[in-house]
């Protein structure tokens, strides 16, 4: 009898490990871990420390002269931009990074 049903005898004498191990078939995946107290405190402190950055960013975005810096440069419109600017940055990217951090 072929345990795994692939038309050849199983590689292990006890049969196919995937079908013989009933525990692996019935065990549910572990629930995602919840952040511990220490991590929550660290996140809270980080949010408090980054709050002034968020305020300055909002102030910068509200300026009339900020329009060139609000969005990334269109590299299709300006193909040589990446040759000149090695680490491009704009206010929307900074805002996204701040949000991802918190």
Protein backbone atom coordinates (compact mmCIF):
# COMPACT_ATOMS: atom_id res chain seq x y z
CA UNK A 1 0.00 0.00 0.00
CA UNK A 2 1.27 3.48 -0.86
CA UNK A 3 0.75 5.81 2.07
CA UNK A 4 1.17 9.18 0.38
CA UNK A 5 -0.62 8.13 -2.80
CA UNK A 6 2.05 9.25 -5.25
CA UNK A 7 2.45 5.89 -6.93
CA UNK A 8 5.65 4.93 -5.14
CA UNK A 9 6.46 3.66 -1.65
CA UNK A 10 6.99 6.32 1.04
CA UNK A 11 10.54 7.48 1.75
CA UNK A 12 10.19 6.81 5.48
CA UNK A 13 9.27 3.38 6.86
CA UNK A 14 6.40 4.78 8.95
CA UNK A 15 4.65 6.39 5.99
CA UNK A 16 4.26 9.95 4.86
CA UNK A 17 5.03 12.32 7.75
CA UNK A 18 2.51 14.87 6.50
CA UNK A 19 -0.39 12.39 6.70
CA UNK A 20 0.74 10.29 9.67
CA UNK A 21 1.13 13.14 12.13
CA UNK A 22 -2.44 13.76 13.28
CA UNK A 23 -1.30 16.56 15.58
CA UNK A 24 -0.01 18.56 12.63
CA UNK A 25 -3.40 18.26 10.92
CA UNK A 26 -5.48 19.30 13.92
CA UNK A 27 -3.27 21.91 15.54
CA UNK A 28 -4.40 25.46 14.90
CA UNK A 29 -1.84 28.15 14.17
CA UNK A 30 -0.83 30.16 17.17
CA UNK A 31 -2.59 33.53 17.54
CA UNK A 32 -0.54 36.62 16.70
CA UNK A 33 1.36 37.89 19.67
CA UNK A 34 0.08 41.01 21.34
CA UNK A 35 2.61 43.67 22.27
CA UNK A 36 3.77 43.46 25.83
CA UNK A 37 3.59 46.23 28.39
CA UNK A 38 7.20 47.22 27.73
CA UNK A 39 6.62 47.56 23.98
CA UNK A 40 3.42 49.57 24.49
CA UNK A 41 5.29 51.96 26.79
CA UNK A 42 8.08 52.29 24.22
CA UNK A 43 5.55 53.03 21.46
CA UNK A 44 3.83 55.61 23.65
CA UNK A 45 7.15 57.34 24.40
CA UNK A 46 8.09 57.27 20.71
CA UNK A 47 4.76 58.86 19.76
CA UNK A 48 5.32 61.58 22.37
CA UNK A 49 8.90 62.20 21.15
CA UNK A 50 7.84 62.41 17.49
CA UNK A 51 4.88 64.72 18.11
CA UNK A 52 6.98 67.91 17.60
CA UNK A 53 8.14 66.51 14.26
CA UNK A 54 4.53 66.03 13.20
CA UNK A 55 3.72 69.62 14.20
CA UNK A 56 6.68 71.03 12.25
CA UNK A 57 5.76 68.90 9.23
CA UNK A 58 2.16 70.19 9.26
CA UNK A 59 3.49 73.75 9.48
CA UNK A 60 5.84 73.16 6.54
CA UNK A 61 3.04 71.65 4.44
CA UNK A 62 0.79 74.65 5.06
CA UNK A 63 3.24 77.19 3.59
CA UNK A 64 2.38 78.61 0.17
CA UNK A 65 5.96 78.06 -1.03
CA UNK A 66 5.99 74.38 0.00
CA UNK A 67 4.23 73.10 -3.15
CA UNK A 68 7.44 71.81 -4.87
CA UNK A 69 8.20 69.66 -1.82
CA UNK A 70 4.77 68.16 -1.11
CA UNK A 71 5.08 65.14 -3.45
CA UNK A 72 7.97 63.13 -4.92
CA UNK A 73 9.47 64.39 -8.17
CA UNK A 74 8.06 62.73 -11.28
CA UNK A 75 11.10 60.90 -12.70
CA UNK A 76 9.33 60.33 -16.03
CA UNK A 77 9.01 64.08 -16.44
CA UNK A 78 12.59 64.66 -15.17
CA UNK A 79 14.60 61.55 -16.13
CA UNK A 80 17.98 62.87 -14.92
CA UNK A 81 16.68 63.74 -11.45
CA UNK A 82 17.88 60.47 -9.85
CA UNK A 83 21.35 60.95 -11.35
CA UNK A 84 21.67 64.31 -9.62
CA UNK A 85 19.70 63.69 -6.40
CA UNK A 86 20.93 60.46 -4.77
CA UNK A 87 18.58 60.47 -1.77
CA UNK A 88 15.34 62.19 -2.80
CA UNK A 89 12.98 63.30 -0.06
CA UNK A 90 9.65 65.09 0.01
CA UNK A 91 7.16 66.00 2.71
CA UNK A 92 4.71 63.21 1.86
CA UNK A 93 7.47 60.62 2.27
CA UNK A 94 8.48 62.13 5.61
CA UNK A 95 4.84 62.08 6.72
CA UNK A 96 4.46 58.41 5.73
CA UNK A 97 7.66 57.47 7.57
CA UNK A 98 6.44 59.27 10.68
CA UNK A 99 3.11 57.43 10.53
CA UNK A 100 4.83 54.07 9.99
CA UNK A 101 7.01 54.71 12.99
CA UNK A 102 4.03 55.20 15.27
